[in-house]
PDB file of N, CA and C in Angstrom:
ATOM      1  N   MET A   1       0.893  -1.578   0.347  1.00  0.00           N
ATOM      2  CA  MET A   1       0.107  -0.083  -0.148  1.00  0.00           C
ATOM      3  C   MET A   1       0.912   1.420   0.213  1.00  0.00           C
ATOM      4  N   GLY A   2       1.786   1.195   1.031  1.00  0.00           N
ATOM      5  CA  GLY A   2       3.572   2.070   0.925  1.00  0.00           C
ATOM      6  C   GLY A   2       3.277   2.994  -0.439  1.00  0.00           C
ATOM      7  N   ARG A   3       3.614   2.047  -1.616  1.00  0.00           N
ATOM      8  CA  ARG A   3       4.370   2.607  -2.183  1.00  0.00           C
ATOM      9  C   ARG A   3       3.813   3.043  -3.287  1.00  0.00           C
ATOM     10  N   SER A   4       1.956   1.941  -3.836  1.00  0.00           N
ATOM     11  CA  SER A   4       1.071   2.535  -4.813  1.00  0.00           C
ATOM     12  C   SER A   4       0.704   4.011  -4.349  1.00  0.00           C
ATOM     13  N   ILE A   5       0.469   4.398  -3.118  1.00  0.00           N
ATOM     14  CA  ILE A   5       0.034   5.790  -2.689  1.00  0.00           C
ATOM     15  C   ILE A   5       0.955   6.642  -3.658  1.00  0.00           C
ATOM     16  N   GLY A   6       2.665   6.988  -3.506  1.00  0.00           N
ATOM     17  CA  GLY A   6       3.063   8.028  -3.643  1.00  0.00           C
ATOM     18  C   GLY A   6       3.434   8.141  -5.675  1.00  0.00           C
ATOM     19  N   PRO A   7       2.828   7.683  -6.264  1.00  0.00           N
ATOM     20  CA  PRO A   7       3.324   7.776  -7.690  1.00  0.00           C
ATOM     21  C   PRO A   7       1.569   8.596  -7.786  1.00  0.00           C
ATOM     22  N   LEU A   8       0.853   7.764  -7.189  1.00  0.00           N
ATOM     23  CA  LEU A   8      -0.616   8.710  -6.783  1.00  0.00           C
ATOM     24  C   LEU A   8      -0.852  10.411  -6.459  1.00  0.00           C
ATOM     25  N   LEU A   9      -0.193  10.394  -5.659  1.00  0.00           N
ATOM     26  CA  LEU A   9       0.241  11.611  -4.295  1.00  0.00           C
ATOM     27  C   LEU A   9       0.827  12.770  -5.642  1.00  0.00           C
ATOM     28  N   VAL A  10       1.791  11.917  -6.423  1.00  0.00           N
ATOM     29  CA  VAL A  10       2.286  12.882  -7.346  1.00  0.00           C
ATOM     30  C   VAL A  10       1.632  13.183  -8.503  1.00  0.00           C
ATOM     31  N   VAL A  11       0.612  12.922  -9.057  1.00  0.00           N
ATOM     32  CA  VAL A  11      -0.654  12.849 -10.304  1.00  0.00           C
ATOM     33  C   VAL A  11      -1.413  13.976  -9.788  1.00  0.00           C
ATOM     34  N   VAL A  12      -1.751  14.033  -7.953  1.00  0.00           N
ATOM     35  CA  VAL A  12      -2.872  14.963  -7.953  1.00  0.00           C
ATOM     36  C   VAL A  12      -1.940  15.972  -7.722  1.00  0.00           C
ATOM     37  N   GLY A  13      -0.776  16.414  -6.267  1.00  0.00           N
ATOM     38  CA  GLY A  13       0.127  17.153  -6.869  1.00  0.00           C
ATOM     39  C   GLY A  13      -0.211  17.696  -8.107  1.00  0.00           C
ATOM     40  N   LEU A  14       0.266  17.289  -9.164  1.00  0.00           N
ATOM     41  CA  LEU A  14       0.488  17.797 -10.452  1.00  0.00           C
ATOM     42  C   LEU A  14      -0.386  18.426 -11.131  1.00  0.00           C
ATOM     43  N   GLY A  15      -1.223  17.138 -10.854  1.00  0.00           N
ATOM     44  CA  GLY A  15      -3.436  18.189 -11.683  1.00  0.00           C
ATOM     45  C   GLY A  15      -3.402  19.776 -10.438  1.00  0.00           C
ATOM     46  N   ILE A  16      -3.341  19.862  -9.438  1.00  0.00           N
ATOM     47  CA  ILE A  16      -3.835  21.100  -8.212  1.00  0.00           C
ATOM     48  C   ILE A  16      -2.816  21.610  -8.832  1.00  0.00           C
ATOM     49  N   VAL A  17      -1.315  21.355  -8.967  1.00  0.00           N
ATOM     50  CA  VAL A  17      -0.307  22.674 -10.233  1.00  0.00           C
ATOM     51  C   VAL A  17      -1.364  23.186 -11.170  1.00  0.00           C
ATOM     52  N   VAL A  18      -1.366  22.256 -11.823  1.00  0.00           N
ATOM     53  CA  VAL A  18      -2.176  22.379 -13.620  1.00  0.00           C
ATOM     54  C   VAL A  18      -3.451  23.613 -13.407  1.00  0.00           C
ATOM     55  N   VAL A  19      -4.078  23.387 -12.147  1.00  0.00           N
ATOM     56  CA  VAL A  19      -5.645  23.741 -12.317  1.00  0.00           C
ATOM     57  C   VAL A  19      -5.470  25.245 -11.535  1.00  0.00           C
ATOM     58  N   GLY A  20      -4.211  25.822 -11.108  1.00  0.00           N
ATOM     59  CA  GLY A  20      -4.041  26.657  -9.912  1.00  0.00           C
ATOM     60  C   GLY A  20      -2.914  27.891 -11.596  1.00  0.00           C
ATOM     61  N   LEU A  21      -2.680  26.680 -12.138  1.00  0.00           N
ATOM     62  CA  LEU A  21      -1.692  28.115 -12.873  1.00  0.00           C
ATOM     63  C   LEU A  21      -3.111  27.908 -14.172  1.00  0.00           C
ATOM     64  N   LEU A  22      -3.781  27.794 -14.908  1.00  0.00           N
ATOM     65  CA  LEU A  22      -5.054  28.299 -15.417  1.00  0.00           C
ATOM     66  C   LEU A  22      -5.781  29.000 -14.410  1.00  0.00           C
ATOM     67  N   ALA A  23      -6.169  28.415 -13.657  1.00  0.00           N
ATOM     68  CA  ALA A  23      -7.171  29.853 -13.005  1.00  0.00           C
ATOM     69  C   ALA A  23      -6.259  31.253 -12.325  1.00  0.00           C
ATOM     70  N   TRP A  24      -4.773  31.076 -13.037  1.00  0.00           N
ATOM     71  CA  TRP A  24      -3.657  32.263 -12.099  1.00  0.00           C
ATOM     72  C   TRP A  24      -4.051  33.271 -13.666  1.00  0.00           C
ATOM     73  N   SER A  25      -3.843  32.037 -14.388  1.00  0.00           N
ATOM     74  CA  SER A  25      -3.975  32.448 -16.044  1.00  0.00           C
ATOM     75  C   SER A  25      -4.860  33.091 -16.546  1.00  0.00           C
ATOM     76  N   GLY A  26      -6.595  32.820 -15.810  1.00  0.00           N
ATOM     77  CA  GLY A  26      -7.987  33.533 -16.253  1.00  0.00           C
ATOM     78  C   GLY A  26      -8.113  32.410 -17.163  1.00  0.00           C
ATOM     79  N   ALA A  27      -7.475  30.928 -17.851  1.00  0.00           N
ATOM     80  CA  ALA A  27      -8.003  29.918 -17.845  1.00  0.00           C
ATOM     81  C   ALA A  27      -9.327  29.833 -18.083  1.00  0.00           C
ATOM     82  N   LEU A  28      -9.494  30.261 -16.955  1.00  0.00           N
ATOM     83  CA  LEU A  28     -11.078  29.421 -16.572  1.00  0.00           C
ATOM     84  C   LEU A  28     -12.187  30.559 -16.095  1.00  0.00           C
ATOM     85  N   GLY A  29     -11.601  31.622 -16.895  1.00  0.00           N
ATOM     86  CA  GLY A  29     -13.076  32.599 -16.964  1.00  0.00           C
ATOM     87  C   GLY A  29     -14.278  32.359 -17.479  1.00  0.00           C
ATOM     88  N   TRP A  30     -14.301  30.428 -17.912  1.00  0.00           N
ATOM     89  CA  TRP A  30     -15.984  30.436 -18.491  1.00  0.00           C
ATOM     90  C   TRP A  30     -16.452  29.586 -17.330  1.00  0.00           C
ATOM     91  N   PHE A  31     -15.313  29.413 -16.046  1.00  0.00           N
ATOM     92  CA  PHE A  31     -16.422  28.744 -15.027  1.00  0.00           C
ATOM     93  C   PHE A  31     -17.663  29.367 -13.919  1.00  0.00           C
ATOM     94  N   GLY A  32     -18.831  29.038 -13.954  1.00  0.00           N
ATOM     95  CA  GLY A  32     -20.190  30.065 -14.168  1.00  0.00           C
ATOM     96  C   GLY A  32     -20.874  30.500 -14.592  1.00  0.00           C
ATOM     97  N   ARG A  33     -20.786  30.333 -16.656  1.00  0.00           N
ATOM     98  CA  ARG A  33     -20.342  31.200 -17.021  1.00  0.00           C
ATOM     99  C   ARG A  33     -21.788  30.267 -18.567  1.00  0.00           C
ATOM    100  N   LEU A  34     -21.298  28.908 -17.962  1.00  0.00           N
ATOM    101  CA  LEU A  34     -22.310  28.137 -19.067  1.00  0.00           C
ATOM    102  C   LEU A  34     -23.701  28.388 -18.934  1.00  0.00           C
ATOM    103  N   PRO A  35     -24.300  27.940 -20.270  1.00  0.00           N
ATOM    104  CA  PRO A  35     -25.082  27.234 -20.649  1.00  0.00           C
ATOM    105  C   PRO A  35     -26.869  26.269 -19.242  1.00  0.00           C
ATOM    106  N   GLY A  36     -27.007  27.148 -18.597  1.00  0.00           N
ATOM    107  CA  GLY A  36     -27.399  25.752 -17.588  1.00  0.00           C
ATOM    108  C   GLY A  36     -26.740  25.869 -16.211  1.00  0.00           C
ATOM    109  N   ASP A  37     -25.545  27.431 -16.083  1.00  0.00           N
ATOM    110  CA  ASP A  37     -25.267  27.872 -14.477  1.00  0.00           C
ATOM    111  C   ASP A  37     -26.677  29.038 -14.448  1.00  0.00           C
ATOM    112  N   LEU A  38     -26.986  28.632 -13.454  1.00  0.00           N
ATOM    113  CA  LEU A  38     -27.810  29.939 -12.479  1.00  0.00           C
ATOM    114  C   LEU A  38     -26.920  30.792 -11.812  1.00  0.00           C
ATOM    115  N   ARG A  39     -27.600  32.174 -11.952  1.00  0.00           N
ATOM    116  CA  ARG A  39     -27.168  33.084 -11.790  1.00  0.00           C
ATOM    117  C   ARG A  39     -28.196  34.673 -11.008  1.00  0.00           C
ATOM    118  N   PHE A  40     -27.971  34.808  -9.818  1.00  0.00           N
ATOM    119  CA  PHE A  40     -29.810  35.611  -9.500  1.00  0.00           C
ATOM    120  C   PHE A  40     -28.554  36.831  -8.889  1.00  0.00           C
ATOM    121  N   GLU A  41     -29.340  37.838  -9.304  1.00  0.00           N
ATOM    122  CA  GLU A  41     -28.462  39.793  -8.856  1.00  0.00           C
ATOM    123  C   GLU A  41     -29.141  39.912  -8.002  1.00  0.00           C
ATOM    124  N   GLY A  42     -29.178  40.347  -6.270  1.00  0.00           N
ATOM    125  CA  GLY A  42     -30.001  41.386  -6.477  1.00  0.00           C
ATOM    126  C   GLY A  42     -29.357  43.424  -6.462  1.00  0.00           C
ATOM    127  N   GLN A  43     -29.994  44.130  -5.455  1.00  0.00           N
ATOM    128  CA  GLN A  43     -29.904  45.036  -5.357  1.00  0.00           C
ATOM    129  C   GLN A  43     -27.753  44.873  -4.396  1.00  0.00           C
ATOM    130  N   ARG A  44     -27.531  44.461  -3.979  1.00  0.00           N
ATOM    131  CA  ARG A  44     -26.567  44.078  -3.107  1.00  0.00           C
ATOM    132  C   ARG A  44     -26.159  43.258  -3.382  1.00  0.00           C
ATOM    133  N   SER A  45     -26.381  42.155  -3.517  1.00  0.00           N
ATOM    134  CA  SER A  45     -25.708  40.693  -3.459  1.00  0.00           C
ATOM    135  C   SER A  45     -25.958  39.631  -4.831  1.00  0.00           C
ATOM    136  N   ARG A  46     -24.942  38.854  -4.956  1.00  0.00           N
ATOM    137  CA  ARG A  46     -24.878  37.866  -6.127  1.00  0.00           C
ATOM    138  C   ARG A  46     -24.886  36.480  -6.076  1.00  0.00           C
ATOM    139  N   LEU A  47     -25.862  35.780  -6.575  1.00  0.00           N
ATOM    140  CA  LEU A  47     -25.289  33.937  -5.890  1.00  0.00           C
ATOM    141  C   LEU A  47     -25.706  33.727  -7.034  1.00  0.00           C
ATOM    142  N   VAL A  48     -24.208  32.113  -7.517  1.00  0.00           N
ATOM    143  CA  VAL A  48     -24.202  32.288  -8.477  1.00  0.00           C
ATOM    144  C   VAL A  48     -24.130  30.307  -7.989  1.00  0.00           C
ATOM    145  N   VAL A  49     -25.446  29.589  -8.595  1.00  0.00           N
ATOM    146  CA  VAL A  49     -25.027  27.780  -9.014  1.00  0.00           C
ATOM    147  C   VAL A  49     -24.353  27.427  -9.883  1.00  0.00           C
ATOM    148  N   PRO A  50     -23.259  27.296  -9.951  1.00  0.00           N
ATOM    149  CA  PRO A  50     -22.848  27.065 -11.601  1.00  0.00           C
ATOM    150  C   PRO A  50     -22.892  25.588 -11.963  1.00  0.00           C
ATOM    151  N   LEU A  51     -24.232  24.921 -11.713  1.00  0.00           N
ATOM    152  CA  LEU A  51     -24.175  23.507 -12.431  1.00  0.00           C
ATOM    153  C   LEU A  51     -23.862  22.813 -13.534  1.00  0.00           C
ATOM    154  N   THR A  52     -23.755  23.280 -13.929  1.00  0.00           N
ATOM    155  CA  THR A  52     -23.041  23.242 -16.178  1.00  0.00           C
ATOM    156  C   THR A  52     -22.064  22.899 -15.456  1.00  0.00           C
ATOM    157  N   SER A  53     -21.682  23.802 -15.111  1.00  0.00           N
ATOM    158  CA  SER A  53     -20.028  23.744 -15.300  1.00  0.00           C
ATOM    159  C   SER A  53     -19.360  22.617 -14.235  1.00  0.00           C
ATOM    160  N   MET A  54     -20.602  22.417 -12.549  1.00  0.00           N
ATOM    161  CA  MET A  54     -19.812  21.264 -11.814  1.00  0.00           C
ATOM    162  C   MET A  54     -19.952  20.022 -12.943  1.00  0.00           C
ATOM    163  N   LEU A  55     -21.032  19.956 -13.265  1.00  0.00           N
ATOM    164  CA  LEU A  55     -21.134  18.716 -14.474  1.00  0.00           C
ATOM    165  C   LEU A  55     -20.205  18.128 -15.093  1.00  0.00           C
ATOM    166  N   LEU A  56     -19.893  19.554 -15.469  1.00  0.00           N
ATOM    167  CA  LEU A  56     -18.059  18.926 -16.670  1.00  0.00           C
ATOM    168  C   LEU A  56     -17.422  18.866 -16.149  1.00  0.00           C
ATOM    169  N   VAL A  57     -17.057  19.694 -15.282  1.00  0.00           N
ATOM    170  CA  VAL A  57     -16.270  19.422 -13.806  1.00  0.00           C
ATOM    171  C   VAL A  57     -16.135  17.768 -13.521  1.00  0.00           C
ATOM    172  N   SER A  58     -16.935  16.877 -13.051  1.00  0.00           N
ATOM    173  CA  SER A  58     -17.507  16.313 -12.573  1.00  0.00           C
ATOM    174  C   SER A  58     -17.221  15.095 -13.788  1.00  0.00           C
ATOM    175  N   VAL A  59     -17.242  15.047 -15.052  1.00  0.00           N
ATOM    176  CA  VAL A  59     -16.722  14.448 -15.668  1.00  0.00           C
ATOM    177  C   VAL A  59     -15.767  14.033 -16.017  1.00  0.00           C
ATOM    178  N   ALA A  60     -14.967  15.447 -16.101  1.00  0.00           N
ATOM    179  CA  ALA A  60     -13.699  15.323 -16.410  1.00  0.00           C
ATOM    180  C   ALA A  60     -12.319  14.925 -15.339  1.00  0.00           C
ATOM    181  N   LEU A  61     -13.191  14.961 -14.017  1.00  0.00           N
ATOM    182  CA  LEU A  61     -12.950  14.558 -13.055  1.00  0.00           C
ATOM    183  C   LEU A  61     -12.317  13.138 -12.872  1.00  0.00           C
ATOM    184  N   THR A  62     -13.302  12.886 -13.166  1.00  0.00           N
ATOM    185  CA  THR A  62     -14.196  10.880 -13.643  1.00  0.00           C
ATOM    186  C   THR A  62     -13.849  10.431 -14.896  1.00  0.00           C
ATOM    187  N   VAL A  63     -13.070  10.845 -15.312  1.00  0.00           N
ATOM    188  CA  VAL A  63     -12.086  10.143 -16.706  1.00  0.00           C
ATOM    189  C   VAL A  63     -10.709  10.332 -16.378  1.00  0.00           C
ATOM    190  N   VAL A  64     -10.360  11.564 -15.851  1.00  0.00           N
ATOM    191  CA  VAL A  64      -8.655  11.581 -15.098  1.00  0.00           C
ATOM    192  C   VAL A  64      -8.888  10.064 -13.985  1.00  0.00           C
ATOM    193  N   VAL A  65      -9.487  10.000 -13.014  1.00  0.00           N
ATOM    194  CA  VAL A  65      -9.246   9.003 -11.732  1.00  0.00           C
ATOM    195  C   VAL A  65      -9.295   7.744 -12.242  1.00  0.00           C
ATOM    196  N   ASN A  66     -10.092   8.025 -13.554  1.00  0.00           N
ATOM    197  CA  ASN A  66      -9.803   5.910 -14.397  1.00  0.00           C
ATOM    198  C   ASN A  66      -8.621   5.906 -14.614  1.00  0.00           C
ATOM    199  N   LEU A  67      -8.065   6.729 -15.056  1.00  0.00           N
ATOM    200  CA  LEU A  67      -6.635   6.603 -16.416  1.00  0.00           C
ATOM    201  C   LEU A  67      -6.066   6.129 -15.672  1.00  0.00           C
ATOM    202  N   VAL A  68      -5.919   6.918 -14.611  1.00  0.00           N
ATOM    203  CA  VAL A  68      -5.087   7.173 -13.173  1.00  0.00           C
ATOM    204  C   VAL A  68      -5.522   5.627 -12.970  1.00  0.00           C
ATOM    205  N   LEU A  69      -5.835   5.212 -12.370  1.00  0.00           N
ATOM    206  CA  LEU A  69      -6.251   4.058 -11.285  1.00  0.00           C
ATOM    207  C   LEU A  69      -5.996   2.728 -12.539  1.00  0.00           C
ATOM    208  N   ARG A  70      -6.432   3.267 -14.055  1.00  0.00           N
ATOM    209  CA  ARG A  70      -5.798   2.248 -14.378  1.00  0.00           C
ATOM    210  C   ARG A  70      -4.494   1.886 -14.519  1.00  0.00           C
ATOM    211  N   TRP A  71      -3.080   2.908 -14.915  1.00  0.00           N
ATOM    212  CA  TRP A  71      -2.297   2.959 -15.143  1.00  0.00           C
ATOM    213  C   TRP A  71      -1.328   2.113 -14.088  1.00  0.00           C
ATOM    214  N   LEU A  72      -1.808   3.208 -13.028  1.00  0.00           N
ATOM    215  CA  LEU A  72      -1.440   2.152 -11.855  1.00  0.00           C
ATOM    216  C   LEU A  72      -1.702   0.809 -11.375  1.00  0.00           C
ATOM    217  N   ARG A  73      -2.693   0.075 -11.818  1.00  0.00           N
ATOM    218  CA  ARG A  73      -2.457  -1.566 -11.869  1.00  0.00           C
ATOM    219  C   ARG A  73      -1.657  -2.407 -12.305  1.00  0.00           C
TER     220      ARG A  73
END
């Protein structure tokens, strides 16, 4: 168990770095602005419910995790 967790932690760490760089560069400006994302604006407040964006992120993470798990076997 100890040896198999190392590569997984490296992949997760690299993924976090990539997402951080994308957010820093502004490449994730689409998040929360897709069709199906709910936006409610009042006079002094704003609520964003990114349903479609989170669905897209969920599908992408499922594919990535499955690929990583198959690679580790």
